[in-house]
All heavy atoms as atom14 arrays in JSON, in Angstrom:
{
  "sequence": "AVWDAVAKIEGKPLFQLLADRYGDGKPNRK",
  "atom14_mask": [
    [1, 1, 1, 1, 1, 0, 0, 0, 0, 0, 0, 0, 0, 0],
    [1, 1, 1, 1, 1, 1, 1, 0, 0, 0, 0, 0, 0, 0],
    [1, 1, 1, 1, 1, 1, 1, 1, 1, 1, 1, 1, 1, 1],
    [1, 1, 1, 1, 1, 1, 1, 1, 0, 0, 0, 0, 0, 0],
    [1, 1, 1, 1, 1, 0, 0, 0, 0, 0, 0, 0, 0, 0],
    [1, 1, 1, 1, 1, 1, 1, 0, 0, 0, 0, 0, 0, 0],
    [1, 1, 1, 1, 1, 0, 0, 0, 0, 0, 0, 0, 0, 0],
    [1, 1, 1, 1, 1, 1, 1, 1, 1, 0, 0, 0, 0, 0],
    [1, 1, 1, 1, 1, 1, 1, 1, 0, 0, 0, 0, 0, 0],
    [1, 1, 1, 1, 1, 1, 1, 1, 1, 0, 0, 0, 0, 0],
    [1, 1, 1, 1, 0, 0, 0, 0, 0, 0, 0, 0, 0, 0],
    [1, 1, 1, 1, 1, 1, 1, 1, 1, 0, 0, 0, 0, 0],
    [1, 1, 1, 1, 1, 1, 1, 0, 0, 0, 0, 0, 0, 0],
    [1, 1, 1, 1, 1, 1, 1, 1, 0, 0, 0, 0, 0, 0],
    [1, 1, 1, 1, 1, 1, 1, 1, 1, 1, 1, 0, 0, 0],
    [1, 1, 1, 1, 1, 1, 1, 1, 1, 0, 0, 0, 0, 0],
    [1, 1, 1, 1, 1, 1, 1, 1, 0, 0, 0, 0, 0, 0],
    [1, 1, 1, 1, 1, 1, 1, 1, 0, 0, 0, 0, 0, 0],
    [1, 1, 1, 1, 1, 0, 0, 0, 0, 0, 0, 0, 0, 0],
    [1, 1, 1, 1, 1, 1, 1, 1, 0, 0, 0, 0, 0, 0],
    [1, 1, 1, 1, 1, 1, 1, 1, 1, 1, 1, 0, 0, 0],
    [1, 1, 1, 1, 1, 1, 1, 1, 1, 1, 1, 1, 0, 0],
    [1, 1, 1, 1, 0, 0, 0, 0, 0, 0, 0, 0, 0, 0],
    [1, 1, 1, 1, 1, 1, 1, 1, 0, 0, 0, 0, 0, 0],
    [1, 1, 1, 1, 0, 0, 0, 0, 0, 0, 0, 0, 0, 0],
    [1, 1, 1, 1, 1, 1, 1, 1, 1, 0, 0, 0, 0, 0],
    [1, 1, 1, 1, 1, 1, 1, 0, 0, 0, 0, 0, 0, 0],
    [1, 1, 1, 1, 1, 1, 1, 1, 0, 0, 0, 0, 0, 0],
    [1, 1, 1, 1, 1, 1, 1, 1, 1, 1, 1, 0, 0, 0],
    [1, 1, 1, 1, 1, 1, 1, 1, 1, 0, 0, 0, 0, 0]
  ],
  "atom14_positions": [
    [[22.16, 42.2, 16.83], [21.68, 40.82, 16.73], [20.33, 40.76, 16.04], [20.0, 39.81, 15.33], [21.61, 40.21, 18.14], [0.0, 0.0, 0.0], [0.0, 0.0, 0.0], [0.0, 0.0, 0.0], [0.0, 0.0, 0.0], [0.0, 0.0, 0.0], [0.0, 0.0, 0.0], [0.0, 0.0, 0.0], [0.0, 0.0, 0.0], [0.0, 0.0, 0.0]],
    [[19.47, 41.75, 16.3], [18.17, 41.79, 15.64], [18.32, 41.91, 14.11], [17.68, 41.19, 13.34], [17.33, 42.97, 16.16], [16.11, 43.2, 15.34], [16.93, 42.74, 17.64], [0.0, 0.0, 0.0], [0.0, 0.0, 0.0], [0.0, 0.0, 0.0], [0.0, 0.0, 0.0], [0.0, 0.0, 0.0], [0.0, 0.0, 0.0], [0.0, 0.0, 0.0]],
    [[19.17, 42.8, 13.67], [19.37, 42.97, 12.22], [19.98, 41.73, 11.6], [19.62, 41.38, 10.45], [20.22, 44.17, 11.93], [19.51, 45.52, 12.03], [19.48, 46.37, 13.08], [18.65, 46.06, 11.03], [18.7, 47.45, 12.82], [18.19, 47.32, 11.57], [18.25, 45.7, 9.75], [17.31, 48.12, 10.81], [17.41, 46.52, 9.03], [16.95, 47.75, 9.56]],
    [[20.86, 41.04, 12.32], [21.42, 39.8, 11.81], [20.27, 38.79, 11.61], [20.26, 38.1, 10.54], [22.47, 39.27, 12.84], [23.22, 38.06, 12.32], [23.5, 37.99, 11.11], [23.54, 37.17, 13.16], [0.0, 0.0, 0.0], [0.0, 0.0, 0.0], [0.0, 0.0, 0.0], [0.0, 0.0, 0.0], [0.0, 0.0, 0.0], [0.0, 0.0, 0.0]],
    [[19.38, 38.69, 12.58], [18.26, 37.76, 12.44], [17.33, 38.16, 11.29], [16.89, 37.29, 10.5], [17.5, 37.71, 13.75], [0.0, 0.0, 0.0], [0.0, 0.0, 0.0], [0.0, 0.0, 0.0], [0.0, 0.0, 0.0], [0.0, 0.0, 0.0], [0.0, 0.0, 0.0], [0.0, 0.0, 0.0], [0.0, 0.0, 0.0], [0.0, 0.0, 0.0]],
    [[17.05, 39.45, 11.19], [16.1, 39.89, 10.12], [16.67, 39.58, 8.77], [15.95, 39.08, 7.86], [15.88, 41.43, 10.31], [15.23, 42.0, 9.04], [14.99, 41.71, 11.5], [0.0, 0.0, 0.0], [0.0, 0.0, 0.0], [0.0, 0.0, 0.0], [0.0, 0.0, 0.0], [0.0, 0.0, 0.0], [0.0, 0.0, 0.0], [0.0, 0.0, 0.0]],
    [[17.94, 39.82, 8.55], [18.53, 39.52, 7.26], [18.56, 38.02, 6.98], [18.32, 37.58, 5.83], [19.97, 40.11, 7.15], [0.0, 0.0, 0.0], [0.0, 0.0, 0.0], [0.0, 0.0, 0.0], [0.0, 0.0, 0.0], [0.0, 0.0, 0.0], [0.0, 0.0, 0.0], [0.0, 0.0, 0.0], [0.0, 0.0, 0.0], [0.0, 0.0, 0.0]],
    [[18.82, 37.23, 8.0], [18.8, 35.74, 7.8], [17.41, 35.26, 7.49], [17.23, 34.38, 6.7], [19.37, 35.09, 9.09], [20.87, 35.25, 9.29], [21.28, 34.69, 10.65], [22.77, 34.85, 10.85], [23.17, 34.44, 12.23], [0.0, 0.0, 0.0], [0.0, 0.0, 0.0], [0.0, 0.0, 0.0], [0.0, 0.0, 0.0], [0.0, 0.0, 0.0]],
    [[16.39, 35.83, 8.16], [15.03, 35.43, 7.85], [14.68, 35.75, 6.44], [14.02, 34.96, 5.75], [14.05, 36.12, 8.82], [14.22, 35.57, 10.26], [12.61, 35.96, 8.38], [13.48, 36.35, 11.32], [0.0, 0.0, 0.0], [0.0, 0.0, 0.0], [0.0, 0.0, 0.0], [0.0, 0.0, 0.0], [0.0, 0.0, 0.0], [0.0, 0.0, 0.0]],
    [[15.21, 36.85, 5.96], [14.93, 37.26, 4.54], [15.86, 36.51, 3.58], [15.65, 36.58, 2.35], [15.11, 38.75, 4.41], [14.38, 39.33, 3.2], [13.98, 40.76, 3.38], [13.42, 41.11, 4.43], [14.19, 41.53, 2.46], [0.0, 0.0, 0.0], [0.0, 0.0, 0.0], [0.0, 0.0, 0.0], [0.0, 0.0, 0.0], [0.0, 0.0, 0.0]],
    [[16.85, 35.78, 4.08], [17.74, 35.0, 3.22], [18.71, 35.82, 2.48], [19.11, 35.42, 1.34], [0.0, 0.0, 0.0], [0.0, 0.0, 0.0], [0.0, 0.0, 0.0], [0.0, 0.0, 0.0], [0.0, 0.0, 0.0], [0.0, 0.0, 0.0], [0.0, 0.0, 0.0], [0.0, 0.0, 0.0], [0.0, 0.0, 0.0], [0.0, 0.0, 0.0]],
    [[19.14, 36.93, 3.0], [20.08, 37.86, 2.29], [21.25, 38.27, 3.19], [21.1, 38.26, 4.44], [19.35, 39.17, 1.89], [18.2, 39.02, 0.93], [17.57, 40.34, 0.66], [16.39, 40.26, -0.27], [15.78, 41.58, -0.54], [0.0, 0.0, 0.0], [0.0, 0.0, 0.0], [0.0, 0.0, 0.0], [0.0, 0.0, 0.0], [0.0, 0.0, 0.0]],
    [[22.35, 38.63, 2.57], [23.34, 39.37, 3.38], [22.76, 40.67, 3.88], [21.92, 41.28, 3.19], [24.47, 39.63, 2.37], [24.25, 38.68, 1.27], [22.75, 38.46, 1.18], [0.0, 0.0, 0.0], [0.0, 0.0, 0.0], [0.0, 0.0, 0.0], [0.0, 0.0, 0.0], [0.0, 0.0, 0.0], [0.0, 0.0, 0.0], [0.0, 0.0, 0.0]],
    [[23.18, 41.14, 5.04], [22.64, 42.38, 5.55], [22.92, 43.5, 4.6], [22.06, 44.41, 4.44], [23.23, 42.69, 6.92], [22.76, 44.0, 7.59], [21.24, 44.06, 7.73], [23.47, 44.24, 8.91], [0.0, 0.0, 0.0], [0.0, 0.0, 0.0], [0.0, 0.0, 0.0], [0.0, 0.0, 0.0], [0.0, 0.0, 0.0], [0.0, 0.0, 0.0]],
    [[24.08, 43.53, 3.94], [24.37, 44.65, 3.03], [23.39, 44.72, 1.89], [23.0, 45.76, 1.43], [25.83, 44.6, 2.56], [26.24, 43.39, 1.79], [25.85, 43.21, 0.44], [27.09, 42.45, 2.34], [26.25, 42.09, -0.28], [27.49, 41.32, 1.66], [27.04, 41.14, 0.35], [0.0, 0.0, 0.0], [0.0, 0.0, 0.0], [0.0, 0.0, 0.0]],
    [[22.88, 43.55, 1.43], [21.92, 43.54, 0.35], [20.57, 44.01, 0.86], [19.87, 44.76, 0.17], [21.79, 42.11, -0.26], [20.85, 42.04, -1.46], [21.39, 42.87, -2.62], [22.45, 42.65, -3.11], [20.57, 43.87, -3.03], [0.0, 0.0, 0.0], [0.0, 0.0, 0.0], [0.0, 0.0, 0.0], [0.0, 0.0, 0.0], [0.0, 0.0, 0.0]],
    [[20.19, 43.56, 2.03], [18.9, 44.0, 2.65], [18.93, 45.55, 2.8], [17.89, 46.16, 2.52], [18.69, 43.29, 3.97], [17.4, 43.61, 4.71], [16.86, 42.35, 5.38], [17.58, 44.7, 5.74], [0.0, 0.0, 0.0], [0.0, 0.0, 0.0], [0.0, 0.0, 0.0], [0.0, 0.0, 0.0], [0.0, 0.0, 0.0], [0.0, 0.0, 0.0]],
    [[19.98, 46.07, 3.26], [20.08, 47.5, 3.43], [20.0, 48.27, 2.13], [19.34, 49.3, 1.99], [21.32, 47.91, 4.21], [21.44, 47.42, 5.63], [22.79, 47.78, 6.27], [20.3, 47.96, 6.49], [0.0, 0.0, 0.0], [0.0, 0.0, 0.0], [0.0, 0.0, 0.0], [0.0, 0.0, 0.0], [0.0, 0.0, 0.0], [0.0, 0.0, 0.0]],
    [[20.73, 47.77, 1.1], [20.67, 48.4, -0.19], [19.25, 48.32, -0.78], [18.79, 49.29, -1.42], [21.67, 47.73, -1.13], [0.0, 0.0, 0.0], [0.0, 0.0, 0.0], [0.0, 0.0, 0.0], [0.0, 0.0, 0.0], [0.0, 0.0, 0.0], [0.0, 0.0, 0.0], [0.0, 0.0, 0.0], [0.0, 0.0, 0.0], [0.0, 0.0, 0.0]],
    [[18.55, 47.23, -0.53], [17.2, 47.08, -1.07], [16.24, 48.01, -0.4], [15.38, 48.63, -1.01], [16.72, 45.61, -0.89], [17.45, 44.63, -1.79], [18.08, 45.07, -2.78], [17.35, 43.44, -1.5], [0.0, 0.0, 0.0], [0.0, 0.0, 0.0], [0.0, 0.0, 0.0], [0.0, 0.0, 0.0], [0.0, 0.0, 0.0], [0.0, 0.0, 0.0]],
    [[16.37, 48.16, 0.94], [15.4, 48.92, 1.69], [15.71, 50.42, 1.68], [14.78, 51.24, 1.75], [15.34, 48.42, 3.14], [14.78, 47.04, 3.33], [14.52, 46.71, 4.8], [13.97, 45.37, 4.98], [13.61, 44.87, 6.16], [13.68, 45.63, 7.24], [13.1, 43.67, 6.23], [0.0, 0.0, 0.0], [0.0, 0.0, 0.0], [0.0, 0.0, 0.0]],
    [[16.98, 50.78, 1.71], [17.32, 52.18, 1.91], [18.21, 52.76, 0.77], [18.58, 53.92, 0.87], [18.05, 52.35, 3.26], [17.26, 51.78, 4.41], [17.6, 50.55, 4.99], [16.16, 52.45, 4.89], [16.86, 50.04, 6.07], [15.44, 51.95, 5.96], [15.78, 50.74, 6.53], [15.06, 50.22, 7.6], [0.0, 0.0, 0.0], [0.0, 0.0, 0.0]],
    [[18.49, 51.95, -0.2], [19.35, 52.45, -1.3], [18.76, 52.1, -2.66], [17.54, 52.02, -2.81], [0.0, 0.0, 0.0], [0.0, 0.0, 0.0], [0.0, 0.0, 0.0], [0.0, 0.0, 0.0], [0.0, 0.0, 0.0], [0.0, 0.0, 0.0], [0.0, 0.0, 0.0], [0.0, 0.0, 0.0], [0.0, 0.0, 0.0], [0.0, 0.0, 0.0]],
    [[19.66, 51.89, -3.6], [19.18, 51.59, -4.98], [19.22, 50.1, -5.29], [19.06, 49.68, -6.46], [20.07, 52.35, -5.98], [21.54, 51.93, -5.9], [21.9, 51.03, -5.09], [22.39, 52.56, -6.64], [0.0, 0.0, 0.0], [0.0, 0.0, 0.0], [0.0, 0.0, 0.0], [0.0, 0.0, 0.0], [0.0, 0.0, 0.0], [0.0, 0.0, 0.0]],
    [[19.4, 49.26, -4.28], [19.42, 47.83, -4.48], [20.76, 47.29, -4.94], [20.91, 46.06, -5.15], [0.0, 0.0, 0.0], [0.0, 0.0, 0.0], [0.0, 0.0, 0.0], [0.0, 0.0, 0.0], [0.0, 0.0, 0.0], [0.0, 0.0, 0.0], [0.0, 0.0, 0.0], [0.0, 0.0, 0.0], [0.0, 0.0, 0.0], [0.0, 0.0, 0.0]],
    [[21.75, 48.17, -5.05], [23.07, 47.75, -5.57], [24.14, 48.07, -4.54], [24.74, 49.15, -4.55], [23.37, 48.46, -6.89], [22.37, 48.19, -8.02], [22.68, 49.01, -9.24], [21.65, 48.77, -10.34], [21.93, 49.6, -11.53], [0.0, 0.0, 0.0], [0.0, 0.0, 0.0], [0.0, 0.0, 0.0], [0.0, 0.0, 0.0], [0.0, 0.0, 0.0]],
    [[24.45, 47.15, -3.64], [25.47, 47.38, -2.64], [26.85, 47.38, -3.33], [27.05, 46.77, -4.37], [25.35, 46.19, -1.69], [24.78, 45.1, -2.55], [23.85, 45.79, -3.53], [0.0, 0.0, 0.0], [0.0, 0.0, 0.0], [0.0, 0.0, 0.0], [0.0, 0.0, 0.0], [0.0, 0.0, 0.0], [0.0, 0.0, 0.0], [0.0, 0.0, 0.0]],
    [[27.76, 48.08, -2.65], [29.18, 48.08, -3.07], [29.96, 47.14, -2.13], [30.3, 47.52, -0.99], [29.76, 49.46, -3.07], [31.21, 49.49, -3.52], [31.73, 48.46, -3.96], [31.84, 50.64, -3.46], [0.0, 0.0, 0.0], [0.0, 0.0, 0.0], [0.0, 0.0, 0.0], [0.0, 0.0, 0.0], [0.0, 0.0, 0.0], [0.0, 0.0, 0.0]],
    [[30.17, 45.91, -2.59], [30.8, 44.91, -1.68], [32.28, 45.18, -1.47], [32.89, 44.52, -0.62], [30.58, 43.53, -2.29], [29.1, 43.07, -2.27], [28.89, 41.81, -3.09], [29.78, 40.78, -2.69], [30.17, 39.76, -3.49], [29.74, 39.71, -4.73], [31.03, 38.83, -3.07], [0.0, 0.0, 0.0], [0.0, 0.0, 0.0], [0.0, 0.0, 0.0]],
    [[32.87, 46.04, -2.26], [34.29, 46.33, -2.1], [34.45, 47.51, -1.2], [34.09, 48.65, -1.54], [34.95, 46.61, -3.5], [36.41, 46.75, -3.48], [37.02, 46.91, -4.87], [38.53, 47.01, -4.85], [39.07, 47.2, -6.24], [0.0, 0.0, 0.0], [0.0, 0.0, 0.0], [0.0, 0.0, 0.0], [0.0, 0.0, 0.0], [0.0, 0.0, 0.0]]
  ]
}
């Protein structure tokens, strides 16, 4: 629930937030 709130506050899907913070910024949505 915390991560859901954090991503919503940032205005992003959680998968995008994770890719931005811990990856190369390019999530694989498939």
